[in-house]
Amino acid sequence: MSLLKLAANTAACLVLIGLAVFGVAALSGIDHRWVDILAQFTAPVLLAAGLLTLACAGMHLWPAAAVGGLATLILFASVWPQWMTPMGRRQPDQPVIRVYSANLWEPNTDVDAMRASIVEADADIVILVEVGDAPIARIDELLADYAHRKVNGPTKLGESSARSIIASRYPIVEKLPWRRDGLSAIGAVVDTPLGHVTVFGVHLTRPWPYQYQWGQITQVMALTARRKAAAPGPTIVAGDFNSVSSARIGRQIKRDLDLVPAPGFPGTWPSSLPSVLGITIDQVYRSRDLALVDRRVGRPTGSDHYPVVTEFTLAEPSTP
């Protein structure tokens, strides 16, 4: 082997081993903040590892290609739990409801794009977080098809960047109270063709090191308390969780709230990239008495997040 080829093999192996660390971190189940931040990026890192492995094979760098194959397998195993989540077994002959959820991004002023995205989704329930002044100023136009609404935060312009909205074609029979618990969330009970469905719109803080290390954990604890205080029955929790479903926050939600995430492919952030290259931090969780019928990424809204469109029906008893 020539010195040049040896150097190329060595460099590629070191890079691929570094990429594999992301997968090992995700598979470890360790909740430490350093491990958790690596676990967020396994999907794009998987793509990078796969492309680098193919490049090594194309250049006949066989030792590096072998390391790359192993790294790609590790990363694929780490991404699988967030991409291939259970959908539940559907009860036959039951109606289906469609939910649209989106982080609109507070500086975003493209209300026409927001409106077009919502119209195209044709959802029964709309959940919006990080609603800025521009959509609030045109809320009747933005949500013209949704007579039933709940808004968290002031409707006066310039007073908030953390508003949340639940809008529905079906009656909202209960508006769950706002709590001073450090969690940006909105809740309501909607009278749907499936019966009463409790709906939460959630926006968690960013993970460490971008925010304080316990922020997301304590906010999920607050969400757990809110769900326990609500009426039992079918529940949908959607929004921007700033975490993939297989990392520590997703594990906490699944464990403490007994909720099941929708599959996380394609990704939702950042919208500057094609969704297949993104990571899914915009989640939709369901209680086990609901089955997921479909999940897809919606039309862009001008935000840095893609919206998510999901469909639900009643699940057979005792299904995941």
Protein backbone atom coordinates (compact mmCIF):
# COMPACT_ATOMS: atom_id res chain seq x y z
CA MET A 1 0.00 0.00 0.00
CA SER A 2 1.39 3.41 -0.94
CA LEU A 3 1.96 6.07 1.69
CA LEU A 4 -0.74 8.23 0.10
CA LYS A 5 -3.30 5.44 0.22
CA LEU A 6 -2.29 4.59 3.80
CA ALA A 7 -2.77 8.20 4.84
CA ALA A 8 -6.16 8.38 3.10
CA ASN A 9 -7.29 5.13 4.75
CA THR A 10 -6.16 6.35 8.15
CA ALA A 11 -7.84 9.73 7.81
CA ALA A 12 -11.09 8.21 6.57
CA CYS A 13 -11.09 5.61 9.35
CA LEU A 14 -10.63 8.29 12.00
CA VAL A 15 -13.52 10.35 10.57
CA LEU A 16 -15.79 7.30 10.35
CA ILE A 17 -14.98 6.22 13.90
CA GLY A 18 -15.86 9.75 15.02
CA LEU A 19 -19.20 9.51 13.21
CA ALA A 20 -19.89 6.11 14.77
CA VAL A 21 -19.58 7.71 18.21
CA PHE A 22 -22.89 9.48 17.55
CA GLY A 23 -24.60 6.14 17.05
CA VAL A 24 -22.95 4.57 20.09
CA ALA A 25 -24.12 7.54 22.18
CA ALA A 26 -27.72 7.09 21.01
CA LEU A 27 -27.69 3.32 21.55
CA SER A 28 -26.14 3.60 25.01
CA GLY A 29 -29.31 4.92 26.64
CA ILE A 30 -27.16 7.17 28.83
CA ASP A 31 -28.97 10.36 29.83
CA HIS A 32 -25.91 12.51 30.46
CA ARG A 33 -26.13 15.85 28.65
CA TRP A 34 -22.95 15.27 26.60
CA VAL A 35 -24.27 11.95 25.34
CA ASP A 36 -27.75 13.35 24.71
CA ILE A 37 -26.56 16.15 22.45
CA LEU A 38 -24.74 13.63 20.23
CA ALA A 39 -27.85 11.44 20.05
CA GLN A 40 -29.83 14.27 18.44
CA PHE A 41 -27.86 14.19 15.19
CA THR A 42 -27.75 10.51 14.29
CA ALA A 43 -29.94 10.88 11.17
CA PRO A 44 -27.74 13.36 9.24
CA VAL A 45 -24.61 11.65 10.56
CA LEU A 46 -25.91 8.34 9.16
CA LEU A 47 -26.18 9.94 5.74
CA ALA A 48 -22.66 11.37 6.03
CA ALA A 49 -21.24 8.00 7.06
CA GLY A 50 -22.99 6.21 4.21
CA LEU A 51 -21.74 8.67 1.60
CA LEU A 52 -18.19 8.59 2.95
CA THR A 53 -18.23 4.79 2.97
CA LEU A 54 -19.35 4.71 -0.66
CA ALA A 55 -16.61 7.19 -1.56
CA CYS A 56 -14.00 5.01 0.16
CA ALA A 57 -15.22 1.96 -1.70
CA GLY A 58 -15.12 3.89 -4.97
CA MET A 59 -11.49 4.84 -4.31
CA HIS A 60 -10.64 1.24 -3.30
CA LEU A 61 -9.84 2.28 0.29
CA TRP A 62 -11.02 -1.08 1.55
CA PRO A 63 -9.97 -0.82 5.24
CA ALA A 64 -11.81 2.51 5.50
CA ALA A 65 -14.79 1.09 3.61
CA ALA A 66 -14.98 -1.79 6.09
CA VAL A 67 -14.87 0.62 9.04
CA GLY A 68 -17.47 2.73 7.26
CA GLY A 69 -19.76 -0.23 6.80
CA LEU A 70 -19.64 -0.95 10.53
CA ALA A 71 -20.16 2.71 11.39
CA THR A 72 -23.14 2.89 9.04
CA LEU A 73 -24.70 -0.19 10.63
CA ILE A 74 -24.27 1.28 14.13
CA LEU A 75 -25.82 4.57 13.05
CA PHE A 76 -28.67 2.85 11.24
CA ALA A 77 -29.44 0.86 14.39
CA SER A 78 -29.44 4.09 16.41
CA VAL A 79 -31.81 5.89 14.01
CA TRP A 80 -34.22 2.97 13.57
CA PRO A 81 -36.08 3.54 16.92
CA GLN A 82 -37.05 7.10 15.94
CA TRP A 83 -37.88 6.32 12.31
CA MET A 84 -39.84 3.10 12.80
CA THR A 85 -42.12 3.59 15.81
CA PRO A 86 -45.27 1.50 16.31
CA MET A 87 -48.43 2.89 14.73
CA GLY A 88 -50.95 0.83 16.70
CA ARG A 89 -53.60 -1.55 15.41
CA ARG A 90 -56.63 0.30 14.07
CA GLN A 91 -60.19 -0.50 15.02
CA PRO A 92 -62.14 -1.24 11.83
CA ASP A 93 -64.71 1.18 10.43
CA GLN A 94 -63.75 4.10 12.65
CA PRO A 95 -63.46 7.73 11.54
CA VAL A 96 -60.08 9.37 11.04
CA ILE A 97 -59.05 12.84 12.25
CA ARG A 98 -56.18 14.84 10.80
CA VAL A 99 -53.88 17.05 12.88
CA TYR A 100 -51.56 19.80 11.62
CA SER A 101 -48.79 20.95 13.97
CA ALA A 102 -46.13 23.57 13.31
CA ASN A 103 -43.56 25.86 14.89
CA LEU A 104 -44.22 29.05 12.94
CA TRP A 105 -40.99 30.74 14.20
CA GLU A 106 -41.64 34.10 15.84
CA PRO A 107 -39.73 36.32 13.31
CA ASN A 108 -41.57 34.70 10.38
CA THR A 109 -43.85 37.20 8.61
CA ASP A 110 -44.87 35.05 5.62
CA VAL A 111 -48.52 34.63 6.59
CA ASP A 112 -49.44 33.71 3.02
CA ALA A 113 -47.11 30.70 3.18
CA MET A 114 -48.56 29.72 6.58
CA ARG A 115 -52.09 29.97 5.22
CA ALA A 116 -51.24 27.96 2.08
CA SER A 117 -49.64 25.23 4.21
CA ILE A 118 -52.64 24.97 6.53
CA VAL A 119 -55.11 24.94 3.61
CA GLU A 120 -53.16 22.23 1.79
CA ALA A 121 -53.08 20.02 4.91
CA ASP A 122 -56.89 20.29 5.26
CA ALA A 123 -56.61 19.25 8.91
CA ASP A 124 -59.37 18.96 11.49
CA ILE A 125 -57.19 20.30 14.30
CA VAL A 126 -54.37 22.83 13.98
CA ILE A 127 -51.66 23.20 16.66
CA LEU A 128 -49.31 26.18 16.36
CA VAL A 129 -46.41 27.18 18.59
CA GLU A 130 -44.05 30.18 18.55
CA VAL A 131 -46.73 32.33 16.93
CA GLY A 132 -45.41 35.83 16.28
CA ASP A 133 -47.07 39.17 15.63
CA ALA A 134 -47.57 38.71 11.87
CA PRO A 135 -49.91 35.68 12.09
CA ILE A 136 -51.67 37.12 15.14
CA ALA A 137 -52.46 40.29 13.19
CA ARG A 138 -54.11 38.17 10.49
CA ILE A 139 -55.43 35.34 12.65
CA ASP A 140 -58.95 35.39 11.19
CA GLU A 141 -57.49 35.04 7.71
CA LEU A 142 -54.90 32.46 8.75
CA LEU A 143 -57.47 30.26 10.49
CA ALA A 144 -60.52 31.16 8.45
CA ASP A 145 -61.71 27.54 8.34
CA TYR A 146 -61.44 27.02 12.09
CA ALA A 147 -64.22 28.59 14.14
CA HIS A 148 -63.13 27.04 17.43
CA ARG A 149 -59.87 28.40 18.84
CA LYS A 150 -57.81 28.77 21.96
CA VAL A 151 -54.90 31.20 22.12
CA ASN A 152 -52.27 31.24 24.86
CA GLY A 153 -50.60 34.60 25.30
CA PRO A 154 -51.69 38.16 24.50
CA THR A 155 -53.30 38.97 21.18
CA LYS A 156 -52.01 42.54 21.38
CA LEU A 157 -49.09 42.93 19.01
CA GLY A 158 -45.58 43.32 20.38
CA GLU A 159 -46.32 41.74 23.74
CA SER A 160 -45.25 38.12 23.27
CA SER A 161 -43.19 35.81 21.10
CA ALA A 162 -44.33 32.59 22.78
CA ARG A 163 -47.98 32.40 21.84
CA SER A 164 -49.56 29.03 21.10
CA ILE A 165 -52.83 28.24 19.35
CA ILE A 166 -55.17 25.27 19.09
CA ALA A 167 -57.77 25.69 16.34
CA SER A 168 -60.41 23.13 15.42
CA ARG A 169 -63.26 22.45 13.05
CA TYR A 170 -64.90 20.60 15.92
CA PRO A 171 -66.09 22.22 19.15
CA ILE A 172 -63.56 22.81 21.91
CA VAL A 173 -65.46 21.63 24.97
CA GLU A 174 -62.78 22.49 27.55
CA LYS A 175 -59.86 24.90 27.53
CA LEU A 176 -57.25 23.53 29.90
CA PRO A 177 -55.91 26.18 32.28
CA TRP A 178 -52.53 27.85 31.84
CA ARG A 179 -50.04 27.02 34.58
CA ARG A 180 -47.04 28.87 35.93
CA ASP A 181 -44.77 25.81 35.74
CA GLY A 182 -42.05 26.87 33.29
CA LEU A 183 -43.60 25.01 30.36
CA SER A 184 -44.78 26.74 27.19
CA ALA A 185 -47.84 24.65 26.36
CA ILE A 186 -51.50 24.95 25.46
CA GLY A 187 -54.20 22.38 26.08
CA ALA A 188 -57.81 21.79 25.10
CA VAL A 189 -60.39 19.01 24.87
CA VAL A 190 -61.95 18.70 21.41
CA ASP A 191 -65.23 16.95 20.63
CA THR A 192 -64.19 14.93 17.57
CA PRO A 193 -65.84 12.05 15.67
CA LEU A 194 -63.61 9.80 17.81
CA GLY A 195 -65.10 11.28 20.99
CA HIS A 196 -63.39 13.73 23.29
CA VAL A 197 -59.68 14.05 22.48
CA THR A 198 -57.29 15.96 24.75
CA VAL A 199 -54.83 17.99 22.69
CA PHE A 200 -51.63 19.67 23.87
CA GLY A 201 -49.38 21.99 21.89
CA VAL A 202 -45.88 22.03 23.40
CA HIS A 203 -42.68 24.01 22.87
CA LEU A 204 -39.75 22.81 24.95
CA THR A 205 -36.63 24.87 25.47
CA ARG A 206 -33.46 24.08 23.54
CA PRO A 207 -31.17 21.34 24.88
CA TRP A 208 -27.93 21.87 26.72
CA PRO A 209 -25.49 23.49 25.88
CA TYR A 210 -27.85 25.93 24.18
CA GLN A 211 -29.94 26.29 27.36
CA TYR A 212 -29.57 25.21 30.97
CA GLN A 213 -29.10 21.48 31.30
CA TRP A 214 -32.23 20.62 33.32
CA GLY A 215 -34.61 22.79 31.30
CA GLN A 216 -36.16 20.17 29.06
CA ILE A 217 -36.32 17.58 31.84
CA THR A 218 -38.24 19.84 34.24
CA GLN A 219 -40.56 20.95 31.45
CA VAL A 220 -41.47 17.34 30.65
CA MET A 221 -42.15 16.86 34.36
CA ALA A 222 -44.56 19.82 34.11
CA LEU A 223 -46.15 18.29 31.01
CA THR A 224 -46.60 15.02 32.91
CA ALA A 225 -48.42 16.86 35.69
CA ARG A 226 -50.67 18.64 33.19
CA ARG A 227 -51.62 15.43 31.45
CA LYS A 228 -52.40 13.72 34.75
CA ALA A 229 -54.63 16.66 35.70
CA ALA A 230 -56.57 16.37 32.42
CA ALA A 231 -59.38 13.91 31.81
CA PRO A 232 -58.25 10.39 30.87
CA GLY A 233 -58.81 9.19 27.34
CA PRO A 234 -57.39 9.75 23.87
CA THR A 235 -54.57 12.30 23.94
CA ILE A 236 -52.40 13.94 21.28
CA VAL A 237 -49.31 15.94 22.24
CA ALA A 238 -47.61 17.80 19.41
CA GLY A 239 -45.15 20.61 18.89
CA ASP A 240 -41.47 21.50 18.96
CA PHE A 241 -39.72 19.29 21.51
CA ASN A 242 -36.18 20.28 20.48
CA SER A 243 -35.31 16.60 20.74
CA VAL A 244 -35.62 13.46 18.67
CA SER A 245 -37.93 10.83 20.11
CA SER A 246 -35.14 8.32 20.81
CA ALA A 247 -32.99 10.67 22.93
CA ARG A 248 -33.41 11.27 26.66
CA ILE A 249 -36.41 13.63 26.41
CA GLY A 250 -38.25 11.24 24.13
CA ARG A 251 -37.51 8.38 26.51
CA GLN A 252 -38.79 10.46 29.43
CA ILE A 253 -42.03 11.27 27.61
CA LYS A 254 -42.60 7.65 26.63
CA ARG A 255 -41.87 6.44 30.16
CA ASP A 256 -43.63 9.08 32.29
CA LEU A 257 -46.56 9.97 30.05
CA ASP A 258 -46.93 6.54 28.38
CA LEU A 259 -47.15 8.17 24.96
CA VAL A 260 -46.01 6.78 21.60
CA PRO A 261 -44.20 9.00 19.07
CA ALA A 262 -45.04 9.11 15.40
CA PRO A 263 -42.25 7.95 13.06
CA GLY A 264 -39.56 10.59 12.63
CA PHE A 265 -38.76 10.36 8.93
CA PRO A 266 -38.40 12.60 7.04
CA GLY A 267 -36.96 15.28 9.31
CA THR A 268 -38.47 18.63 10.29
CA TRP A 269 -35.49 20.90 11.04
CA PRO A 270 -33.91 22.91 9.56
CA SER A 271 -36.24 23.75 6.69
CA SER A 272 -33.30 25.24 4.76
CA LEU A 273 -32.41 21.61 3.92
CA PRO A 274 -34.54 18.98 2.20
CA SER A 275 -36.54 17.19 4.90
CA VAL A 276 -34.75 13.89 4.24
CA LEU A 277 -31.54 15.55 5.49
CA GLY A 278 -33.07 17.05 8.64
CA ILE A 279 -33.64 15.88 12.18
CA THR A 280 -37.09 15.40 13.66
CA ILE A 281 -37.41 17.66 16.66
CA ASP A 282 -41.06 18.45 15.87
CA GLN A 283 -42.83 15.48 17.37
CA VAL A 284 -46.38 14.14 17.56
CA TYR A 285 -47.13 11.75 20.43
CA ARG A 286 -50.33 9.74 20.93
CA SER A 287 -51.90 7.81 23.75
CA ARG A 288 -52.23 4.07 23.21
CA ASP A 289 -56.01 4.23 22.69
CA LEU A 290 -55.29 5.97 19.39
CA ALA A 291 -53.69 4.43 16.32
CA LEU A 292 -51.59 6.42 13.88
CA VAL A 293 -52.87 6.21 10.32
CA ASP A 294 -50.33 8.45 8.58
CA ARG A 295 -47.53 10.92 9.24
CA ARG A 296 -45.95 13.27 6.72
CA VAL A 297 -44.14 16.57 6.47
CA GLY A 298 -46.32 19.48 5.37
CA ARG A 299 -45.80 22.37 3.00
CA PRO A 300 -43.20 24.92 4.23
CA THR A 301 -44.54 27.93 6.13
CA GLY A 302 -41.55 30.28 5.95
CA SER A 303 -40.40 28.98 9.33
CA ASP A 304 -37.10 27.24 10.03
CA HIS A 305 -39.21 24.15 10.86
CA TYR A 306 -41.31 22.00 8.56
CA PRO A 307 -44.89 21.38 9.76
CA VAL A 308 -46.11 17.85 10.48
CA VAL A 309 -49.43 16.35 9.34
CA THR A 310 -50.70 13.26 11.16
CA GLU A 311 -53.89 11.20 11.03
CA PHE A 312 -55.41 9.18 13.87
CA THR A 313 -58.22 6.76 14.57
CA LEU A 314 -59.22 4.58 17.53
CA ALA A 315 -56.88 1.70 18.37
CA GLU A 316 -57.69 -1.85 19.28
CA PRO A 317 -57.39 -2.35 23.04
CA SER A 318 -53.97 -3.33 24.41
CA THR A 319 -51.93 -2.48 21.32
CA PRO A 320 -48.62 -0.57 21.32
